[in-house]
C-alpha atoms as a PDB file:
ATOM      1  CA  MET A   1       4.676  33.193  20.059  1.00  0.00           C
ATOM      2  CA  LYS A   2       1.362  32.312  21.653  1.00  0.00           C
ATOM      3  CA  THR A   3       0.372  31.999  25.292  1.00  0.00           C
ATOM      4  CA  TYR A   4      -2.273  30.143  27.248  1.00  0.00           C
ATOM      5  CA  ASP A   5      -3.014  31.010  30.911  1.00  0.00           C
ATOM      6  CA  TRP A   6      -4.936  29.459  33.785  1.00  0.00           C
ATOM      7  CA  ASN A   7      -4.906  29.510  37.557  1.00  0.00           C
ATOM      8  CA  LEU A   8      -4.074  26.589  39.796  1.00  0.00           C
ATOM      9  CA  LYS A   9      -6.318  25.708  42.736  1.00  0.00           C
ATOM     10  CA  ASP A  10      -3.983  27.578  45.091  1.00  0.00           C
ATOM     11  CA  GLY A  11      -4.321  30.759  42.981  1.00  0.00           C
ATOM     12  CA  ARG A  12      -0.950  30.684  41.227  1.00  0.00           C
ATOM     13  CA  LYS A  13      -1.018  31.674  37.558  1.00  0.00           C
ATOM     14  CA  VAL A  14       0.323  29.177  34.997  1.00  0.00           C
ATOM     15  CA  THR A  15       1.359  30.442  31.577  1.00  0.00           C
ATOM     16  CA  LEU A  16       2.200  28.219  28.651  1.00  0.00           C
ATOM     17  CA  GLU A  17       4.330  30.062  26.131  1.00  0.00           C
ATOM     18  CA  ALA A  18       4.704  28.205  22.836  1.00  0.00           C
ATOM     19  CA  GLU A  19       6.442  28.965  19.603  1.00  0.00           C
ATOM     20  CA  TYR A  20       6.787  26.721  16.596  1.00  0.00           C
ATOM     21  CA  SER A  21       8.092  27.169  13.087  1.00  0.00           C
ATOM     22  CA  GLU A  22       8.455  24.718  10.297  1.00  0.00           C
ATOM     23  CA  SER A  23      10.263  25.472   7.073  1.00  0.00           C
ATOM     24  CA  VAL A  24      11.862  23.708   4.140  1.00  0.00           C
ATOM     25  CA  GLU A  25      15.621  24.114   4.036  1.00  0.00           C
ATOM     26  CA  GLN A  26      18.499  22.673   2.067  1.00  0.00           C
ATOM     27  CA  ARG A  27      20.097  19.750   3.863  1.00  0.00           C
ATOM     28  CA  ILE A  28      23.872  20.183   3.959  1.00  0.00           C
ATOM     29  CA  LEU A  29      26.198  17.268   4.648  1.00  0.00           C
ATOM     30  CA  ASP A  30      29.688  18.016   5.873  1.00  0.00           C
ATOM     31  CA  ALA A  31      32.052  15.447   4.369  1.00  0.00           C
ATOM     32  CA  ASP A  32      35.312  16.293   6.107  1.00  0.00           C
ATOM     33  CA  GLY A  33      35.074  19.956   5.186  1.00  0.00           C
ATOM     34  CA  TRP A  34      33.319  19.505   1.857  1.00  0.00           C
ATOM     35  CA  LYS A  35      29.794  20.897   1.970  1.00  0.00           C
ATOM     36  CA  ILE A  36      27.384  18.736  -0.039  1.00  0.00           C
ATOM     37  CA  GLU A  37      23.766  19.655  -0.726  1.00  0.00           C
ATOM     38  CA  ALA A  38      21.576  16.625  -0.068  1.00  0.00           C
ATOM     39  CA  GLY A  39      18.136  17.896  -1.032  1.00  0.00           C
ATOM     40  CA  GLU A  40      15.428  19.702   0.839  1.00  0.00           C
ATOM     41  CA  GLU A  41      14.092  18.691   4.211  1.00  0.00           C
ATOM     42  CA  ILE A  42      11.601  20.001   6.735  1.00  0.00           C
ATOM     43  CA  ARG A  43      13.206  21.727   9.719  1.00  0.00           C
ATOM     44  CA  THR A  44      11.291  22.506  12.877  1.00  0.00           C
ATOM     45  CA  ARG A  45      12.091  24.870  15.669  1.00  0.00           C
ATOM     46  CA  ALA A  46       9.925  24.647  18.750  1.00  0.00           C
ATOM     47  CA  MET A  47       9.876  25.714  22.368  1.00  0.00           C
ATOM     48  CA  LEU A  48       7.188  25.251  24.984  1.00  0.00           C
ATOM     49  CA  THR A  49       7.914  27.043  28.248  1.00  0.00           C
ATOM     50  CA  VAL A  50       5.851  26.952  31.424  1.00  0.00           C
ATOM     51  CA  TYR A  51       5.859  29.852  33.849  1.00  0.00           C
ATOM     52  CA  ILE A  52       4.283  29.873  37.292  1.00  0.00           C
ATOM     53  CA  ASP A  53       3.646  33.382  38.603  1.00  0.00           C
ATOM     54  CA  GLY A  54       6.135  34.700  36.042  1.00  0.00           C
ATOM     55  CA  GLN A  55       8.961  32.351  37.046  1.00  0.00           C
ATOM     56  CA  LYS A  56      10.183  29.782  34.538  1.00  0.00           C
ATOM     57  CA  PHE A  57       9.144  26.321  35.742  1.00  0.00           C
ATOM     58  CA  ASP A  58      10.034  23.956  32.873  1.00  0.00           C
ATOM     59  CA  SER A  59      10.443  23.842  29.107  1.00  0.00           C
ATOM     60  CA  CYS A  60      10.415  21.383  26.227  1.00  0.00           C
ATOM     61  CA  TRP A  61      11.896  22.038  22.786  1.00  0.00           C
ATOM     62  CA  ASP A  62      10.667  18.829  21.114  1.00  0.00           C
ATOM     63  CA  GLU A  63       7.110  19.208  19.786  1.00  0.00           C
ATOM     64  CA  ASN A  64       6.753  15.423  19.733  1.00  0.00           C
ATOM     65  CA  PHE A  65       6.534  15.635  23.544  1.00  0.00           C
ATOM     66  CA  TRP A  66       3.784  18.266  23.449  1.00  0.00           C
ATOM     67  CA  ARG A  67       1.216  15.492  23.893  1.00  0.00           C
ATOM     68  CA  ILE A  68      -1.408  15.248  26.597  1.00  0.00           C
ATOM     69  CA  ILE A  69      -1.029  12.029  28.605  1.00  0.00           C
ATOM     70  CA  ASP A  70      -2.634  10.441  31.663  1.00  0.00           C
ATOM     71  CA  THR A  71      -0.852  10.823  34.984  1.00  0.00           C
ATOM     72  CA  GLY A  72      -2.227   7.596  36.413  1.00  0.00           C
ATOM     73  CA  ARG A  73      -4.585   9.546  38.676  1.00  0.00           C
ATOM     74  CA  PRO A  74      -8.229   9.556  37.513  1.00  0.00           C
ATOM     75  CA  GLY A  75      -9.247  12.806  35.812  1.00  0.00           C
ATOM     76  CA  ILE A  76      -5.723  14.297  35.869  1.00  0.00           C
ATOM     77  CA  LYS A  77      -3.675  14.798  32.704  1.00  0.00           C
ATOM     78  CA  LYS A  78      -0.342  16.431  31.919  1.00  0.00           C
ATOM     79  CA  ILE A  79       1.867  17.447  29.021  1.00  0.00           C
ATOM     80  CA  TRP A  80       4.315  14.619  28.333  1.00  0.00           C
ATOM     81  CA  GLY A  81       7.419  16.845  28.084  1.00  0.00           C
ATOM     82  CA  ILE A  82       6.593  19.071  31.053  1.00  0.00           C
ATOM     83  CA  LYS A  83       7.089  17.833  34.592  1.00  0.00           C
ATOM     84  CA  GLY A  84       5.000  18.551  37.626  1.00  0.00           C
ATOM     85  CA  ILE A  85       1.860  20.270  36.324  1.00  0.00           C
ATOM     86  CA  GLY A  86      -1.430  18.398  36.099  1.00  0.00           C
ATOM     87  CA  PHE A  87      -4.834  19.556  34.943  1.00  0.00           C
ATOM     88  CA  THR A  88      -8.378  18.329  34.393  1.00  0.00           C
ATOM     89  CA  ASP A  89      -9.751  16.635  31.300  1.00  0.00           C
ATOM     90  CA  GLU A  90     -11.569  19.852  30.302  1.00  0.00           C
ATOM     91  CA  ARG A  91      -8.391  21.919  30.561  1.00  0.00           C
ATOM     92  CA  ALA A  92      -6.514  19.143  28.705  1.00  0.00           C
ATOM     93  CA  ALA A  93      -8.837  19.554  25.708  1.00  0.00           C
ATOM     94  CA  GLU A  94      -8.211  23.323  25.684  1.00  0.00           C
ATOM     95  CA  ILE A  95      -4.433  22.904  25.983  1.00  0.00           C
ATOM     96  CA  GLU A  96      -4.416  20.263  23.254  1.00  0.00           C
ATOM     97  CA  GLN A  97      -6.305  22.642  20.975  1.00  0.00           C
ATOM     98  CA  PHE A  98      -3.910  25.496  21.876  1.00  0.00           C
ATOM     99  CA  LEU A  99      -0.813  23.407  21.082  1.00  0.00           C
ATOM    100  CA  ALA A 100      -2.334  22.122  17.827  1.00  0.00           C
ATOM    101  CA  SER A 101      -3.073  25.688  16.716  1.00  0.00           C
ATOM    102  CA  VAL A 102       0.497  26.792  17.531  1.00  0.00           C
ATOM    103  CA  ILE A 103       1.876  23.975  15.370  1.00  0.00           C
ATOM    104  CA  GLU A 104      -0.606  24.553  12.546  1.00  0.00           C
ATOM    105  CA  ASP A 105       0.088  28.303  12.451  1.00  0.00           C
ATOM    106  CA  GLY A 106       3.845  27.700  12.394  1.00  0.00           C
ATOM    107  CA  ARG A 107       3.864  25.507   9.297  1.00  0.00           C
ATOM    108  CA  SER A 108       4.945  27.116   6.064  1.00  0.00           C
ATOM    109  CA  PRO A 109       2.879  26.328   2.953  1.00  0.00           C
ATOM    110  CA  LYS A 110       5.909  24.697   1.316  1.00  0.00           C
ATOM    111  CA  ALA A 111       6.498  22.461   4.354  1.00  0.00           C
ATOM    112  CA  GLN A 112       2.813  21.508   4.421  1.00  0.00           C
ATOM    113  CA  ALA A 113       2.931  20.630   0.711  1.00  0.00           C
ATOM    114  CA  MET A 114       6.065  18.548   1.299  1.00  0.00           C
ATOM    115  CA  ARG A 115       4.349  16.680   4.169  1.00  0.00           C
ATOM    116  CA  GLU A 116       1.285  15.964   2.043  1.00  0.00           C
ATOM    117  CA  GLU A 117       3.484  14.732  -0.823  1.00  0.00           C
ATOM    118  CA  LYS A 118       5.366  12.414   1.545  1.00  0.00           C
ATOM    119  CA  LYS A 119       2.091  11.113   2.994  1.00  0.00           C
ATOM    120  CA  ALA A 120       0.738  10.430  -0.519  1.00  0.00           C
ATOM    121  CA  GLN A 121       3.966   8.596  -1.425  1.00  0.00           C
ATOM    122  CA  GLU A 122       3.765   6.454   1.733  1.00  0.00           C
ATOM    123  CA  LYS A 123       0.152   5.599   0.906  1.00  0.00           C
ATOM    124  CA  ALA A 124       1.101   4.622  -2.660  1.00  0.00           C
ATOM    125  CA  ASP A 125       3.978   2.471  -1.335  1.00  0.00           C
ATOM    126  CA  LEU A 126       1.637   0.733   1.107  1.00  0.00           C
ATOM    127  CA  ILE A 127      -0.888   0.035  -1.657  1.00  0.00           C
ATOM    128  CA  ARG A 128       1.873  -1.486  -3.845  1.00  0.00           C
ATOM    129  CA  SER A 129       3.063  -3.576  -0.898  1.00  0.00           C
ATOM    130  CA  TYR A 130      -0.434  -4.943  -0.239  1.00  0.00           C
ATOM    131  CA  GLU A 131      -0.923  -5.672  -3.946  1.00  0.00           C
ATOM    132  CA  LYS A 132       2.352  -7.654  -4.000  1.00  0.00           C
ATOM    133  CA  ILE A 133       1.273  -9.635  -0.949  1.00  0.00           C
ATOM    134  CA  LEU A 134      -2.099 -10.452  -2.533  1.00  0.00           C
ATOM    135  CA  ALA A 135      -0.419 -11.465  -5.799  1.00  0.00           C
ATOM    136  CA  LYS A 136       1.953 -13.757  -3.927  1.00  0.00           C
ATOM    137  CA  ALA A 137      -0.830 -15.225  -1.779  1.00  0.00           C
ATOM    138  CA  SER A 138      -3.095 -15.795  -4.803  1.00  0.00           C
ATOM    139  CA  GLY A 139      -0.643 -18.336  -6.190  1.00  0.00           C
ATOM    140  CA  GLN A 140      -0.661 -20.364  -2.979  1.00  0.00           C
ATOM    141  CA  ARG A 141      -3.106 -22.456  -1.061  1.00  0.00           C
ATOM    142  CA  LEU A 142      -4.914 -20.568   1.714  1.00  0.00           C
ATOM    143  CA  TYR A 143      -5.212 -22.081   5.169  1.00  0.00           C
ATOM    144  CA  THR A 144      -7.243 -21.568   8.290  1.00  0.00           C
ATOM    145  CA  LYS A 145      -5.214 -20.363  11.264  1.00  0.00           C
ATOM    146  CA  ASP A 146      -4.992 -23.888  12.713  1.00  0.00           C
ATOM    147  CA  GLU A 147      -4.112 -25.435   9.356  1.00  0.00           C
ATOM    148  CA  ALA A 148      -1.338 -22.848   8.851  1.00  0.00           C
ATOM    149  CA  ALA A 149       0.186 -23.728  12.241  1.00  0.00           C
ATOM    150  CA  ILE A 150       0.151 -27.430  11.359  1.00  0.00           C
ATOM    151  CA  ALA A 151       1.625 -26.794   7.874  1.00  0.00           C
ATOM    152  CA  ARG A 152       4.362 -24.636   9.415  1.00  0.00           C
ATOM    153  CA  GLN A 153       5.259 -27.318  11.940  1.00  0.00           C
ATOM    154  CA  ASN A 154       5.248 -30.013   9.240  1.00  0.00           C
ATOM    155  CA  TRP A 155       7.629 -27.885   7.152  1.00  0.00           C
ATOM    156  CA  ILE A 156       9.966 -27.449  10.122  1.00  0.00           C
ATOM    157  CA  ASN A 157       9.909 -31.162  10.915  1.00  0.00           C
ATOM    158  CA  PHE A 158      10.423 -32.341   7.331  1.00  0.00           C
ATOM    159  CA  ASN A 159      12.612 -29.688   5.658  1.00  0.00           C
ATOM    160  CA  ASN A 160      14.501 -28.353   8.660  1.00  0.00           C
ATOM    161  CA  GLU A 161      14.629 -31.676  10.486  1.00  0.00           C
ATOM    162  CA  GLY A 162      12.976 -30.078  13.501  1.00  0.00           C
ATOM    163  CA  ALA A 163      15.544 -27.287  13.778  1.00  0.00           C
ATOM    164  CA  GLU A 164      15.522 -23.591  12.972  1.00  0.00           C
ATOM    165  CA  GLY A 165      15.849 -22.437   9.401  1.00  0.00           C
ATOM    166  CA  TYR A 166      13.835 -21.057   6.521  1.00  0.00           C
ATOM    167  CA  VAL A 167      10.077 -21.477   6.860  1.00  0.00           C
ATOM    168  CA  PRO A 168       7.738 -20.069   4.186  1.00  0.00           C
ATOM    169  CA  HIS A 169       4.671 -18.101   5.160  1.00  0.00           C
ATOM    170  CA  PHE A 170       1.446 -20.078   5.002  1.00  0.00           C
ATOM    171  CA  TRP A 171      -1.232 -17.533   4.131  1.00  0.00           C
ATOM    172  CA  THR A 172      -4.530 -17.732   5.977  1.00  0.00           C
ATOM    173  CA  TYR A 173      -7.957 -16.722   4.732  1.00  0.00           C
ATOM    174  CA  ASP A 174      -8.167 -14.141   7.524  1.00  0.00           C
ATOM    175  CA  GLU A 175      -4.853 -12.532   6.564  1.00  0.00           C
ATOM    176  CA  VAL A 176      -5.827 -12.224   2.911  1.00  0.00           C
ATOM    177  CA  GLU A 177      -9.272 -10.819   3.743  1.00  0.00           C
ATOM    178  CA  GLY A 178      -7.693  -8.349   6.178  1.00  0.00           C
ATOM    179  CA  ILE A 179      -5.252  -7.134   3.540  1.00  0.00           C
ATOM    180  CA  LYS A 180      -8.067  -6.799   0.995  1.00  0.00           C
ATOM    181  CA  LYS A 181     -10.040  -4.708   3.476  1.00  0.00           C
ATOM    182  CA  LYS A 182      -7.031  -2.446   4.204  1.00  0.00           C
ATOM    183  CA  LEU A 183      -6.433  -2.059   0.491  1.00  0.00           C
ATOM    184  CA  GLU A 184     -10.063  -1.008  -0.060  1.00  0.00           C
ATOM    185  CA  GLU A 185      -9.744   1.560   2.737  1.00  0.00           C
ATOM    186  CA  LEU A 186      -6.560   2.999   1.248  1.00  0.00           C
ATOM    187  CA  ARG A 187      -8.063   3.262  -2.208  1.00  0.00           C
ATOM    188  CA  ALA A 188     -11.246   4.951  -0.966  1.00  0.00           C
END
């Protein structure tokens, strides 16, 4: 458990108390009393509690809500999952760094490796998806944005008799170039 303290303008002491752990555990499905192992998954346990002058003020167990957001008032930020406490941009940077370090320190090496493997798999899937799109688009005529809109409307009028129904995608030069650029970035 880690803590971060500061004083409000009126002198009261605010303490953020955060704990986070992330581990890889066996996922168990309960099928009407039958326990079935369904592979490993990452499990997180988190709690962020705010105390003001030693009294519990609020808490948030979901680390996805440990984000710094704007309050709508210039120069004032807050933690998304915690109500009623605002702070300056400078303090926000410190709190963001504190929360990031709590999460980083709570990750097990096995969970981190599993996350990296999942991220690499998602990247490979995205690359394959872009390659399929480019292969499909290479066998078709490319259009400008305006030409694609006209071709789409002509298809609807002729094949669908002006009604809803199947309409193929008319690939534009911009779309294909954008996908090529994304693919280059992913491969770099």
